[in-house]
Amino acid sequence: MFPRLLRSCPRRLRSAALSVLATLATVAALVVGVGAPQAAAASSLPCDVYAAAGTPCVAAHSLVRALYSSYNGSLYQVKRASDGATANIGLLSAGGYANAAAQDSFCSGTTCIITEIYDQSPRHNHLTVEGAGGAGAADVGAPADALPVTVGGHQVYGLEISAGMGYRDNSTSGVAVNGQAEGMYMVTSGTHVNGSCCFDYGNAETNNKDTGNGHMDAINFGTECWFSPCYGQGPWVQADLENGLFQSDAGYSKNTSNTGTGPLPFVTALLKNNGQNHFALKYGNAQNGGLTTTYSGGEPTASGYSPMHQEGAIVLGTGGDNSNGSIGSFFEGVMTSGIPTDAADNAVQADIVSAGYGGPTGSTGTLNAGSEISLRATTSCCTTDYIRHQNNAAVISPVASGSSSLDKNDATWIVRRGLADSSCVSFESRNYPGDFLRHFDYRLYRQPMDGTSQFRSDATFCPQTGKSGTGTSFASYNYPTKYLRHYNSNVYLASNGGSNAWDSSTSWSNDVSWAVSSPWAP
């Protein structure tokens, strides 16, 4: 406790004056009315906006950027496997984006996990790896390099949660308790979800156990339909109020148009609750547009929810009792004291959009880390075919200028340093952040990076001069005599001759040679 306080005090002192100026600027922007969110976003970050609206942040967590225009402290801490040393990852400048290069340097030649996510608010509600709870064993830290992403033109890392991972703070300051009002949002992803309990961010119990109805007040995002009916396939923004994921006061969805966000790469998920008789749910595309309200009405009609009985802990990635079977992505999120106005929510959404989630990397057509590419077959039969993902599997299919945006996105990959060997490469999906091309039983798939050494090896490929004398061939890191090959429109690891059909020597050298080209999706 004491080292954490000592670490945070100097930051608070040197940023106080700038915070006041930022808040005054935000007030001026908001006074002009609802039509001014873009102006507010241009000069103020989310917690500046909320402070100006009279609902200050009591928690502000992000791995990718500052959430106050004056903030210049650490965002998160990483721990490396080689020697157990830790390092804090900060910002490139005050109010700016994460210094991911510092993480890359510190973790070079080994792997790192994220051990702490710092609260940027004056409350110091930092999140550490969650301990055991009523429904789950102690969690482990998420791999620090599992979710590379471009934000504001900068290469940074988000937090990718797999089952058994989670973060928590059971001893907080300023977080709503016993029916107090609060608001919260997080930026997450609709491409990395499941139907297990519970990918949450927000208010939870202080003892890691289910202590009854209304003892939680957290955003949930996933495809779990707790109360039927739910409409569409999800994922949905829901309220985890304990013992249920609520889309309305009845639990089930009363909004037939709320079919979920679909596989949006970046989603703003928002929950507001006055703690007494009203809560609301909203979502938006974090890359463009505004917010959609899916529910605004009374608290759940079951007993215990009106008034609420929040306990004030903060949870990220699990349920209140550490139910930890869920997966999810987290980039940033805040919790407020009091319910923000709709105008403030709109201004925050405008700022999130302006932050530039998932923008182009700025490099194309090469095998350098960070370059966006498409991989074209060179065999005479298939010179207009590209590697793309389809139903999670890697296939080749024709892509041309008139193809759909979905086909173009699916055929675009971001080159990353090899997850198992930085001298080789890994291929991240352009439209599924944190998903990589990896082999399993010699077939290639698009799957989320889980941090295991097996995944790292399976998703690493070493470029060589094309076996046909043209293009590039990619040898498997852990099966170095096998190469990426297309066969019957699917993509495999194949040797030149072998027991499997896709090992056939016929046209092997051409089938394993690929043209590295500019990306179809800019």
Protein backbone atom coordinates (compact mmCIF):
# COMPACT_ATOMS: atom_id res chain seq x y z
CA MET A 1 0.00 0.00 0.00
CA PHE A 2 2.66 2.54 1.02
CA PRO A 3 4.85 2.15 -2.10
CA ARG A 4 1.76 2.70 -4.25
CA LEU A 5 0.90 5.94 -2.42
CA LEU A 6 4.46 7.22 -2.61
CA ARG A 7 4.60 6.46 -6.31
CA SER A 8 1.37 8.33 -7.09
CA CYS A 9 1.72 11.47 -4.97
CA PRO A 10 4.29 13.36 -7.09
CA ARG A 11 2.20 12.74 -10.19
CA ARG A 12 -0.88 14.28 -8.54
CA LEU A 13 1.00 17.35 -7.41
CA ARG A 14 2.60 18.16 -10.73
CA SER A 15 -0.62 17.63 -12.70
CA ALA A 16 -3.06 19.52 -10.45
CA ALA A 17 -2.76 22.90 -12.15
CA LEU A 18 -3.06 21.43 -15.62
CA SER A 19 -6.12 19.44 -14.57
CA VAL A 20 -7.90 22.62 -13.48
CA LEU A 21 -7.16 24.28 -16.83
CA ALA A 22 -8.35 21.22 -18.75
CA THR A 23 -11.58 21.11 -16.74
CA LEU A 24 -12.30 24.79 -17.39
CA ALA A 25 -11.75 24.24 -21.13
CA THR A 26 -14.17 21.34 -21.10
CA VAL A 27 -16.84 23.34 -19.29
CA ALA A 28 -16.62 26.00 -21.99
CA ALA A 29 -17.00 23.38 -24.70
CA LEU A 30 -20.00 21.70 -23.08
CA VAL A 31 -21.85 24.92 -22.31
CA VAL A 32 -22.45 25.51 -26.02
CA GLY A 33 -24.78 22.51 -26.08
CA VAL A 34 -25.26 19.00 -27.32
CA GLY A 35 -23.94 19.92 -30.75
CA ALA A 36 -20.45 20.49 -29.31
CA PRO A 37 -19.11 16.99 -28.49
CA GLN A 38 -16.50 17.09 -31.26
CA ALA A 39 -15.18 20.42 -29.99
CA ALA A 40 -14.96 19.04 -26.45
CA ALA A 41 -13.21 15.91 -27.66
CA ALA A 42 -10.65 17.96 -29.54
CA SER A 43 -9.32 19.60 -26.37
CA SER A 44 -10.40 17.27 -23.58
CA LEU A 45 -10.10 13.58 -22.80
CA PRO A 46 -12.85 11.46 -21.19
CA CYS A 47 -12.14 12.26 -17.55
CA ASP A 48 -11.82 15.97 -18.33
CA VAL A 49 -15.26 15.83 -19.95
CA TYR A 50 -16.86 13.97 -17.06
CA ALA A 51 -15.28 16.27 -14.46
CA ALA A 52 -16.63 19.31 -16.27
CA ALA A 53 -20.09 17.75 -16.24
CA GLY A 54 -19.93 17.36 -12.45
CA THR A 55 -19.35 13.58 -12.47
CA PRO A 56 -15.60 13.11 -11.99
CA CYS A 57 -13.82 9.86 -12.69
CA VAL A 58 -13.10 7.75 -9.63
CA ALA A 59 -11.33 5.15 -11.76
CA ALA A 60 -9.60 5.56 -15.13
CA HIS A 61 -7.84 2.54 -16.60
CA SER A 62 -6.23 2.32 -20.02
CA LEU A 63 -3.38 0.44 -21.65
CA VAL A 64 -3.34 2.57 -24.77
CA ARG A 65 -3.62 6.26 -23.85
CA ALA A 66 -4.12 8.93 -21.23
CA LEU A 67 -7.70 9.59 -20.12
CA TYR A 68 -6.90 13.07 -18.69
CA SER A 69 -5.26 15.69 -20.89
CA SER A 70 -2.73 16.39 -18.10
CA TYR A 71 -1.89 12.79 -17.19
CA ASN A 72 1.73 11.80 -17.67
CA GLY A 73 2.15 8.82 -15.35
CA SER A 74 2.32 5.07 -15.87
CA LEU A 75 -0.45 3.14 -17.59
CA TYR A 76 0.43 -0.41 -16.57
CA GLN A 77 3.17 -2.67 -15.27
CA VAL A 78 4.70 -5.69 -17.01
CA LYS A 79 6.68 -8.57 -15.56
CA ARG A 80 9.06 -10.58 -17.70
CA ALA A 81 9.45 -14.31 -17.51
CA SER A 82 13.23 -14.47 -17.83
CA ASP A 83 14.11 -12.87 -14.49
CA GLY A 84 10.89 -11.72 -12.83
CA ALA A 85 11.81 -8.05 -13.24
CA THR A 86 9.03 -5.49 -13.66
CA ALA A 87 8.74 -2.24 -15.58
CA ASN A 88 6.12 0.48 -15.74
CA ILE A 89 4.89 1.46 -19.19
CA GLY A 90 4.06 5.13 -19.52
CA LEU A 91 3.18 7.65 -22.20
CA LEU A 92 5.01 9.22 -25.11
CA SER A 93 3.84 12.61 -23.79
CA ALA A 94 1.35 14.07 -21.32
CA GLY A 95 -2.20 13.34 -22.43
CA GLY A 96 -0.87 11.09 -25.19
CA TYR A 97 -0.47 7.47 -26.17
CA ALA A 98 1.33 4.52 -24.62
CA ASN A 99 5.06 4.09 -25.09
CA ALA A 100 4.81 0.54 -26.42
CA ALA A 101 8.42 0.65 -27.58
CA ALA A 102 9.45 0.62 -23.91
CA GLN A 103 7.53 -2.63 -23.45
CA ASP A 104 9.05 -4.13 -26.60
CA SER A 105 12.54 -3.28 -25.40
CA PHE A 106 12.01 -4.55 -21.85
CA CYS A 107 10.40 -7.81 -23.01
CA SER A 108 12.77 -8.47 -25.92
CA GLY A 109 13.95 -12.07 -26.03
CA THR A 110 11.43 -13.25 -23.45
CA THR A 111 7.73 -12.89 -22.65
CA CYS A 112 5.90 -10.55 -20.31
CA ILE A 113 2.57 -10.52 -18.51
CA ILE A 114 0.60 -7.50 -17.31
CA THR A 115 0.66 -7.45 -13.53
CA GLU A 116 -0.96 -4.10 -12.71
CA ILE A 117 -3.17 -1.57 -14.48
CA TYR A 118 -2.81 1.88 -12.96
CA ASP A 119 -5.71 4.18 -12.15
CA GLN A 120 -5.10 7.58 -13.67
CA SER A 121 -7.62 9.25 -11.35
CA PRO A 122 -6.58 10.85 -8.04
CA ARG A 123 -8.25 7.88 -6.28
CA HIS A 124 -5.37 5.47 -7.10
CA ASN A 125 -7.69 2.50 -7.64
CA HIS A 126 -5.08 0.34 -9.32
CA LEU A 127 -5.99 -3.14 -10.56
CA THR A 128 -3.80 -6.16 -9.82
CA VAL A 129 -4.15 -9.82 -10.82
CA GLU A 130 -7.27 -11.22 -9.17
CA GLY A 131 -7.10 -13.78 -6.38
CA ALA A 132 -9.31 -16.81 -5.83
CA GLY A 133 -13.03 -16.33 -5.42
CA GLY A 134 -16.22 -18.20 -4.80
CA ALA A 135 -16.36 -19.53 -8.36
CA GLY A 136 -12.79 -19.57 -9.57
CA ALA A 137 -9.18 -20.20 -8.61
CA ALA A 138 -6.68 -17.35 -8.54
CA ASP A 139 -6.22 -15.77 -11.96
CA VAL A 140 -3.07 -15.21 -13.98
CA GLY A 141 -1.89 -12.08 -15.73
CA ALA A 142 -2.65 -11.52 -19.40
CA PRO A 143 0.21 -11.71 -21.92
CA ALA A 144 1.49 -8.22 -22.58
CA ASP A 145 1.89 -8.66 -26.35
CA ALA A 146 -1.34 -10.53 -27.17
CA LEU A 147 -3.30 -7.54 -28.48
CA PRO A 148 -1.20 -5.22 -30.66
CA VAL A 149 -3.28 -2.42 -32.11
CA THR A 150 -2.95 0.97 -33.77
CA VAL A 151 -4.48 3.89 -31.85
CA GLY A 152 -3.97 7.47 -32.96
CA GLY A 153 -1.39 6.26 -35.45
CA HIS A 154 0.69 4.70 -32.67
CA GLN A 155 1.46 1.02 -32.21
CA VAL A 156 0.24 0.11 -28.70
CA TYR A 157 -1.11 -2.93 -26.84
CA GLY A 158 -4.55 -3.65 -25.42
CA LEU A 159 -5.46 -6.23 -22.77
CA GLU A 160 -6.61 -9.59 -24.13
CA ILE A 161 -8.37 -11.73 -21.54
CA SER A 162 -8.54 -15.52 -21.91
CA ALA A 163 -10.29 -17.85 -19.47
CA GLY A 164 -8.54 -17.79 -16.10
CA MET A 165 -7.35 -14.19 -16.38
CA GLY A 166 -8.68 -11.20 -14.45
CA TYR A 167 -7.84 -8.06 -12.43
CA ARG A 168 -9.35 -6.52 -9.31
CA ASP A 169 -9.10 -3.95 -6.54
CA ASN A 170 -11.07 -4.78 -3.38
CA SER A 171 -9.92 -1.73 -1.41
CA THR A 172 -10.95 1.31 -3.39
CA SER A 173 -11.61 5.00 -2.83
CA GLY A 174 -14.62 6.94 -4.07
CA VAL A 175 -16.40 4.10 -5.87
CA ALA A 176 -20.19 3.95 -5.36
CA VAL A 177 -21.53 1.86 -2.48
CA ASN A 178 -24.99 1.10 -1.05
CA GLY A 179 -27.16 2.61 -3.74
CA GLN A 180 -24.99 5.56 -4.74
CA ALA A 181 -25.16 6.71 -8.36
CA GLU A 182 -22.41 5.96 -10.86
CA GLY A 183 -21.60 5.67 -14.54
CA MET A 184 -19.00 3.68 -16.43
CA TYR A 185 -17.82 2.79 -19.92
CA MET A 186 -15.20 0.60 -21.51
CA VAL A 187 -13.79 0.26 -25.01
CA THR A 188 -13.77 -3.44 -25.87
CA SER A 189 -14.03 -5.60 -29.01
CA GLY A 190 -16.89 -7.52 -30.58
CA THR A 191 -14.47 -9.96 -32.23
CA HIS A 192 -13.10 -11.59 -29.06
CA VAL A 193 -16.08 -12.78 -27.03
CA ASN A 194 -17.77 -15.94 -25.77
CA GLY A 195 -20.84 -17.03 -23.86
CA SER A 196 -19.12 -17.85 -20.57
CA CYS A 197 -19.37 -15.87 -17.36
CA CYS A 198 -18.34 -13.10 -17.11
CA PHE A 199 -16.39 -10.45 -18.99
CA ASP A 200 -17.14 -7.49 -16.71
CA TYR A 201 -15.75 -4.08 -15.92
CA GLY A 202 -17.13 -2.18 -12.96
CA ASN A 203 -18.37 -2.37 -9.40
CA ALA A 204 -18.17 -5.71 -7.57
CA GLU A 205 -18.02 -7.38 -4.15
CA THR A 206 -15.06 -6.78 -1.88
CA ASN A 207 -14.64 -10.45 -0.89
CA ASN A 208 -14.61 -12.12 -4.36
CA LYS A 209 -17.89 -13.88 -3.55
CA ASP A 210 -21.51 -13.61 -4.59
CA THR A 211 -23.11 -11.73 -1.70
CA GLY A 212 -26.53 -11.27 -3.27
CA ASN A 213 -28.73 -9.36 -5.67
CA GLY A 214 -27.68 -5.80 -6.35
CA HIS A 215 -24.17 -6.16 -4.91
CA MET A 216 -22.62 -5.63 -8.35
CA ASP A 217 -22.98 -2.86 -10.90
CA ALA A 218 -20.73 -3.67 -13.84
CA ILE A 219 -20.76 -3.59 -17.64
CA ASN A 220 -20.88 -7.06 -19.15
CA PHE A 221 -19.99 -7.74 -22.77
CA GLY A 222 -20.35 -11.14 -24.42
CA THR A 223 -22.76 -13.59 -26.00
CA GLU A 224 -24.19 -15.10 -22.81
CA CYS A 225 -27.98 -14.72 -22.73
CA TRP A 226 -28.82 -15.04 -19.04
CA PHE A 227 -32.51 -14.19 -19.35
CA SER A 228 -34.38 -15.36 -22.44
CA PRO A 229 -35.29 -13.97 -24.87
CA CYS A 230 -32.26 -12.22 -26.27
CA TYR A 231 -32.41 -11.08 -29.89
CA GLY A 232 -29.79 -11.74 -32.54
CA GLN A 233 -26.43 -13.37 -31.94
CA GLY A 234 -24.85 -10.65 -29.79
CA PRO A 235 -22.50 -9.76 -28.31
CA TRP A 236 -24.63 -7.54 -26.13
CA VAL A 237 -23.86 -4.77 -23.66
CA GLN A 238 -25.56 -5.92 -20.46
CA ALA A 239 -25.57 -4.93 -16.79
CA ASP A 240 -24.09 -7.48 -14.38
CA LEU A 241 -26.01 -6.53 -11.25
CA GLU A 242 -25.19 -9.90 -9.62
CA ASN A 243 -27.16 -13.08 -10.17
CA GLY A 244 -28.03 -11.99 -13.66
CA LEU A 245 -26.95 -10.19 -16.82
CA PHE A 246 -29.71 -7.65 -17.34
CA GLN A 247 -30.92 -6.08 -20.58
CA SER A 248 -33.98 -4.56 -18.87
CA ASP A 249 -35.81 -4.43 -15.55
CA ALA A 250 -37.23 -7.87 -16.37
CA GLY A 251 -33.78 -9.23 -17.19
CA TYR A 252 -34.58 -10.34 -20.73
CA SER A 253 -34.44 -7.97 -23.66
CA LYS A 254 -37.54 -5.88 -24.28
CA ASN A 255 -35.83 -4.29 -27.28
CA THR A 256 -36.23 -6.46 -30.38
CA SER A 257 -33.90 -4.18 -32.34
CA ASN A 258 -31.05 -4.87 -29.90
CA THR A 259 -29.46 -7.78 -31.74
CA GLY A 260 -26.00 -7.00 -30.40
CA THR A 261 -23.03 -5.14 -31.82
CA GLY A 262 -21.86 -7.94 -34.12
CA PRO A 263 -18.15 -8.39 -34.80
CA LEU A 264 -17.19 -4.73 -34.59
CA PRO A 265 -13.44 -4.55 -33.93
CA PHE A 266 -13.90 -1.75 -31.38
CA VAL A 267 -17.00 -1.14 -29.25
CA THR A 268 -17.88 1.50 -26.66
CA ALA A 269 -19.98 -0.15 -23.92
CA LEU A 270 -21.68 2.11 -21.35
CA LEU A 271 -23.75 1.62 -18.18
CA LYS A 272 -25.37 4.26 -15.93
CA ASN A 273 -27.19 3.50 -12.68
CA ASN A 274 -28.66 5.90 -10.13
CA GLY A 275 -28.61 3.09 -7.57
CA GLN A 276 -32.25 3.56 -6.66
CA ASN A 277 -34.75 3.21 -9.47
CA HIS A 278 -33.11 3.61 -12.88
CA PHE A 279 -30.30 2.23 -15.05
CA ALA A 280 -29.41 2.63 -18.72
CA LEU A 281 -27.31 0.75 -21.29
CA LYS A 282 -25.65 2.21 -24.39
CA TYR A 283 -23.21 1.09 -27.03
CA GLY A 284 -21.41 2.61 -30.00
CA ASN A 285 -18.88 1.87 -32.69
CA ALA A 286 -15.63 3.15 -31.19
CA GLN A 287 -14.37 4.00 -34.68
CA ASN A 288 -17.22 6.19 -35.86
CA GLY A 289 -20.69 7.48 -35.04
CA GLY A 290 -22.56 8.07 -31.81
CA LEU A 291 -24.15 6.04 -29.04
CA THR A 292 -27.29 3.92 -29.16
CA THR A 293 -29.40 3.47 -26.02
CA THR A 294 -30.69 -0.10 -25.77
CA TYR A 295 -32.42 0.32 -22.40
CA SER A 296 -33.32 3.17 -20.07
CA GLY A 297 -35.73 2.40 -17.27
CA GLY A 298 -36.32 0.95 -13.86
CA GLU A 299 -34.04 -1.28 -11.83
CA PRO A 300 -34.71 -5.03 -11.99
CA THR A 301 -38.06 -5.91 -10.46
CA ALA A 302 -36.62 -8.82 -8.47
CA SER A 303 -35.81 -8.11 -4.83
CA GLY A 304 -32.48 -6.59 -3.86
CA TYR A 305 -31.91 -4.31 -6.84
CA SER A 306 -33.90 -1.25 -5.82
CA PRO A 307 -32.05 0.20 -4.07
CA MET A 308 -28.73 -1.30 -5.12
CA HIS A 309 -26.20 -2.59 -2.60
CA GLN A 310 -22.87 -2.02 -4.37
CA GLU A 311 -19.76 -2.81 -2.34
CA GLY A 312 -17.25 -0.68 -4.27
CA ALA A 313 -14.62 -3.14 -5.48
CA ILE A 314 -13.52 -2.88 -9.14
CA VAL A 315 -13.34 -5.96 -11.34
CA LEU A 316 -12.02 -6.43 -14.88
CA GLY A 317 -12.39 -9.62 -16.90
CA THR A 318 -14.35 -11.78 -14.46
CA GLY A 319 -17.61 -11.89 -12.53
CA GLY A 320 -17.93 -10.65 -8.96
CA ASP A 321 -17.24 -14.12 -7.53
CA ASN A 322 -14.31 -14.57 -9.93
CA SER A 323 -16.33 -16.57 -12.45
CA ASN A 324 -13.51 -16.54 -14.98
CA GLY A 325 -14.52 -18.57 -18.02
CA SER A 326 -14.98 -15.54 -20.24
CA ILE A 327 -12.78 -14.00 -22.90
CA GLY A 328 -12.66 -10.36 -23.89
CA SER A 329 -10.61 -7.35 -24.92
CA PHE A 330 -10.08 -4.16 -22.94
CA PHE A 331 -8.47 -0.96 -24.14
CA GLU A 332 -9.77 1.72 -21.78
CA GLY A 333 -12.52 2.34 -19.24
CA VAL A 334 -13.62 4.73 -16.52
CA MET A 335 -16.03 4.85 -13.59
CA THR A 336 -17.62 8.08 -12.37
CA SER A 337 -19.10 9.49 -9.20
CA GLY A 338 -22.72 10.26 -10.08
CA ILE A 339 -24.54 9.73 -13.37
CA PRO A 340 -23.03 11.60 -16.32
CA THR A 341 -25.31 13.60 -18.57
CA ASP A 342 -26.14 12.30 -22.01
CA ALA A 343 -24.26 15.30 -23.41
CA ALA A 344 -21.13 14.24 -21.52
CA ASP A 345 -21.52 10.66 -22.76
CA ASN A 346 -21.80 11.95 -26.32
CA ALA A 347 -18.68 14.09 -25.88
CA VAL A 348 -16.76 11.10 -24.54
CA GLN A 349 -17.89 8.95 -27.47
CA ALA A 350 -16.72 11.67 -29.85
CA ASP A 351 -13.35 11.69 -28.13
CA ILE A 352 -13.06 7.90 -28.35
CA VAL A 353 -13.79 8.07 -32.08
CA SER A 354 -11.22 10.83 -32.51
CA ALA A 355 -8.60 8.69 -30.72
CA GLY A 356 -8.30 6.62 -33.89
CA TYR A 357 -8.77 3.02 -32.81
CA GLY A 358 -7.69 0.52 -35.47
CA GLY A 359 -6.34 3.02 -37.95
CA PRO A 360 -3.77 2.10 -40.59
CA THR A 361 -0.28 1.33 -39.37
CA GLY A 362 1.35 3.63 -41.89
CA SER A 363 3.37 0.86 -43.54
CA THR A 364 2.29 -1.50 -46.30
CA GLY A 365 3.50 -4.26 -48.58
CA THR A 366 6.61 -5.48 -46.73
CA LEU A 367 7.48 -8.10 -44.11
CA ASN A 368 8.67 -5.45 -41.67
CA ALA A 369 6.89 -5.46 -38.32
CA GLY A 370 3.81 -3.24 -38.44
CA SER A 371 3.34 -3.46 -42.18
CA GLU A 372 -0.11 -4.32 -43.52
CA ILE A 373 -0.09 -6.87 -46.33
CA SER A 374 -2.06 -9.37 -48.37
CA LEU A 375 -0.57 -12.74 -49.40
CA ARG A 376 -1.25 -13.81 -52.99
CA ALA A 377 -0.84 -17.31 -54.38
CA THR A 378 1.66 -17.63 -57.24
CA THR A 379 0.60 -20.99 -58.68
CA SER A 380 -0.67 -20.49 -62.25
CA CYS A 381 -4.17 -21.66 -61.29
CA CYS A 382 -4.64 -19.16 -58.55
CA THR A 383 -2.79 -15.90 -59.16
CA THR A 384 -5.83 -13.83 -58.17
CA ASP A 385 -6.33 -15.77 -54.91
CA TYR A 386 -5.28 -14.48 -51.49
CA ILE A 387 -5.02 -15.97 -48.02
CA ARG A 388 -8.09 -14.92 -46.07
CA HIS A 389 -9.96 -16.13 -43.01
CA GLN A 390 -13.44 -17.56 -43.42
CA ASN A 391 -15.37 -19.10 -40.53
CA ASN A 392 -12.11 -18.93 -38.53
CA ALA A 393 -10.20 -21.10 -41.05
CA ALA A 394 -7.57 -19.91 -43.53
CA VAL A 395 -8.50 -20.37 -47.18
CA ILE A 396 -7.56 -18.85 -50.51
CA SER A 397 -10.14 -17.13 -52.65
CA PRO A 398 -10.21 -14.47 -55.38
CA VAL A 399 -10.08 -10.85 -54.22
CA ALA A 400 -10.29 -7.95 -56.64
CA SER A 401 -11.00 -4.22 -56.61
CA GLY A 402 -14.72 -4.93 -56.89
CA SER A 403 -14.78 -7.37 -53.97
CA SER A 404 -16.76 -6.62 -50.82
CA SER A 405 -15.16 -4.76 -47.94
CA LEU A 406 -15.55 -7.91 -45.86
CA ASP A 407 -13.53 -9.96 -48.36
CA LYS A 408 -10.87 -7.26 -48.50
CA ASN A 409 -10.64 -7.02 -44.71
CA ASP A 410 -10.49 -10.79 -44.31
CA ALA A 411 -7.59 -10.91 -46.77
CA THR A 412 -5.54 -8.26 -44.97
CA TRP A 413 -2.94 -9.11 -42.31
CA ILE A 414 -0.63 -7.05 -40.10
CA VAL A 415 2.93 -8.30 -39.89
CA ARG A 416 4.09 -8.64 -36.28
CA ARG A 417 7.41 -9.72 -34.84
CA GLY A 418 7.30 -13.49 -34.50
CA LEU A 419 5.52 -14.39 -31.28
CA ALA A 420 8.05 -17.16 -30.63
CA ASP A 421 11.09 -15.66 -32.40
CA SER A 422 11.44 -11.99 -33.24
CA SER A 423 13.59 -12.83 -36.29
CA CYS A 424 10.52 -14.45 -37.86
CA VAL A 425 6.99 -13.09 -38.33
CA SER A 426 3.43 -13.59 -37.15
CA PHE A 427 0.29 -12.45 -38.98
CA GLU A 428 -2.44 -10.59 -37.07
CA SER A 429 -5.90 -10.28 -38.60
CA ARG A 430 -6.68 -6.72 -39.71
CA ASN A 431 -10.34 -6.87 -38.68
CA TYR A 432 -10.06 -9.21 -35.68
CA PRO A 433 -7.61 -7.47 -33.31
CA GLY A 434 -5.51 -9.96 -31.33
CA ASP A 435 -6.32 -12.89 -33.64
CA PHE A 436 -3.39 -14.48 -35.44
CA LEU A 437 -2.85 -17.01 -38.19
CA ARG A 438 -1.77 -20.25 -36.51
CA HIS A 439 -1.63 -23.93 -37.37
CA PHE A 440 -3.45 -26.73 -35.59
CA ASP A 441 -3.24 -30.32 -36.87
CA TYR A 442 -1.43 -28.82 -39.88
CA ARG A 443 -4.44 -26.70 -40.88
CA LEU A 444 -4.25 -22.90 -40.61
CA TYR A 445 -6.80 -20.95 -38.56
CA ARG A 446 -7.44 -17.44 -37.27
CA GLN A 447 -7.47 -17.63 -33.49
CA PRO A 448 -7.01 -15.25 -30.52
CA MET A 449 -3.57 -15.19 -28.96
CA ASP A 450 -3.73 -16.85 -25.52
CA GLY A 451 -0.13 -16.29 -24.47
CA THR A 452 0.87 -19.95 -24.30
CA SER A 453 4.20 -21.09 -25.68
CA GLN A 454 2.32 -23.53 -27.93
CA PHE A 455 0.30 -20.75 -29.53
CA ARG A 456 3.38 -18.57 -29.93
CA SER A 457 5.18 -21.38 -31.76
CA ASP A 458 2.19 -22.31 -33.91
CA ALA A 459 1.70 -18.69 -34.98
CA THR A 460 5.33 -17.99 -35.95
CA PHE A 461 6.62 -18.37 -39.50
CA CYS A 462 10.11 -17.77 -40.87
CA PRO A 463 10.35 -16.15 -44.32
CA GLN A 464 12.65 -17.60 -46.99
CA THR A 465 13.15 -17.04 -50.69
CA GLY A 466 10.25 -18.65 -52.51
CA LYS A 467 10.82 -22.33 -53.23
CA SER A 468 9.72 -21.76 -56.84
CA GLY A 469 12.35 -19.08 -57.24
CA THR A 470 9.84 -16.28 -56.87
CA GLY A 471 8.04 -14.66 -53.95
CA THR A 472 8.44 -15.79 -50.35
CA SER A 473 7.96 -19.12 -48.61
CA PHE A 474 7.12 -19.31 -44.90
CA ALA A 475 8.56 -22.15 -42.83
CA SER A 476 6.79 -23.14 -39.64
CA TYR A 477 8.79 -22.14 -36.57
CA ASN A 478 8.13 -25.45 -34.79
CA TYR A 479 7.99 -27.64 -37.93
CA PRO A 480 10.81 -26.09 -39.98
CA THR A 481 10.52 -28.56 -42.89
CA LYS A 482 6.85 -27.63 -43.39
CA TYR A 483 5.69 -24.50 -45.17
CA LEU A 484 2.47 -22.52 -45.64
CA ARG A 485 0.76 -24.16 -48.62
CA HIS A 486 -2.58 -23.83 -50.36
CA TYR A 487 -4.21 -27.13 -51.31
CA ASN A 488 -7.79 -27.50 -52.57
CA SER A 489 -8.38 -23.85 -51.57
CA ASN A 490 -7.42 -24.48 -47.92
CA VAL A 491 -4.15 -23.50 -46.25
CA TYR A 492 -1.94 -26.06 -44.54
CA LEU A 493 1.54 -26.72 -43.24
CA ALA A 494 3.02 -29.05 -45.84
CA SER A 495 6.27 -30.86 -46.49
CA ASN A 496 7.48 -31.76 -49.98
CA GLY A 497 6.13 -35.31 -50.03
CA GLY A 498 4.59 -37.07 -47.05
CA SER A 499 1.69 -39.11 -45.76
CA ASN A 500 -0.91 -36.34 -45.94
CA ALA A 501 -2.71 -35.39 -49.13
CA TRP A 502 -1.56 -31.79 -48.78
CA ASP A 503 2.09 -32.97 -48.72
CA SER A 504 1.85 -33.97 -52.37
CA SER A 505 4.96 -33.07 -54.39
CA THR A 506 2.81 -31.97 -57.31
CA SER A 507 3.22 -28.18 -57.70
CA TRP A 508 4.54 -28.04 -54.13
CA SER A 509 7.23 -25.42 -54.80
CA ASN A 510 4.69 -23.10 -56.45
CA ASP A 511 2.00 -23.70 -53.83
CA VAL A 512 4.34 -22.69 -50.99
CA SER A 513 5.54 -19.52 -52.71
CA TRP A 514 3.57 -16.35 -51.97
CA ALA A 515 3.66 -12.81 -53.26
CA VAL A 516 3.72 -10.24 -50.44
CA SER A 517 1.54 -7.44 -51.75
CA SER A 518 -0.10 -4.23 -50.60
CA PRO A 519 -3.14 -4.80 -48.39
CA TRP A 520 -6.64 -4.97 -49.80
CA ALA A 521 -7.99 -3.17 -46.74
CA PRO A 522 -6.21 0.17 -46.25
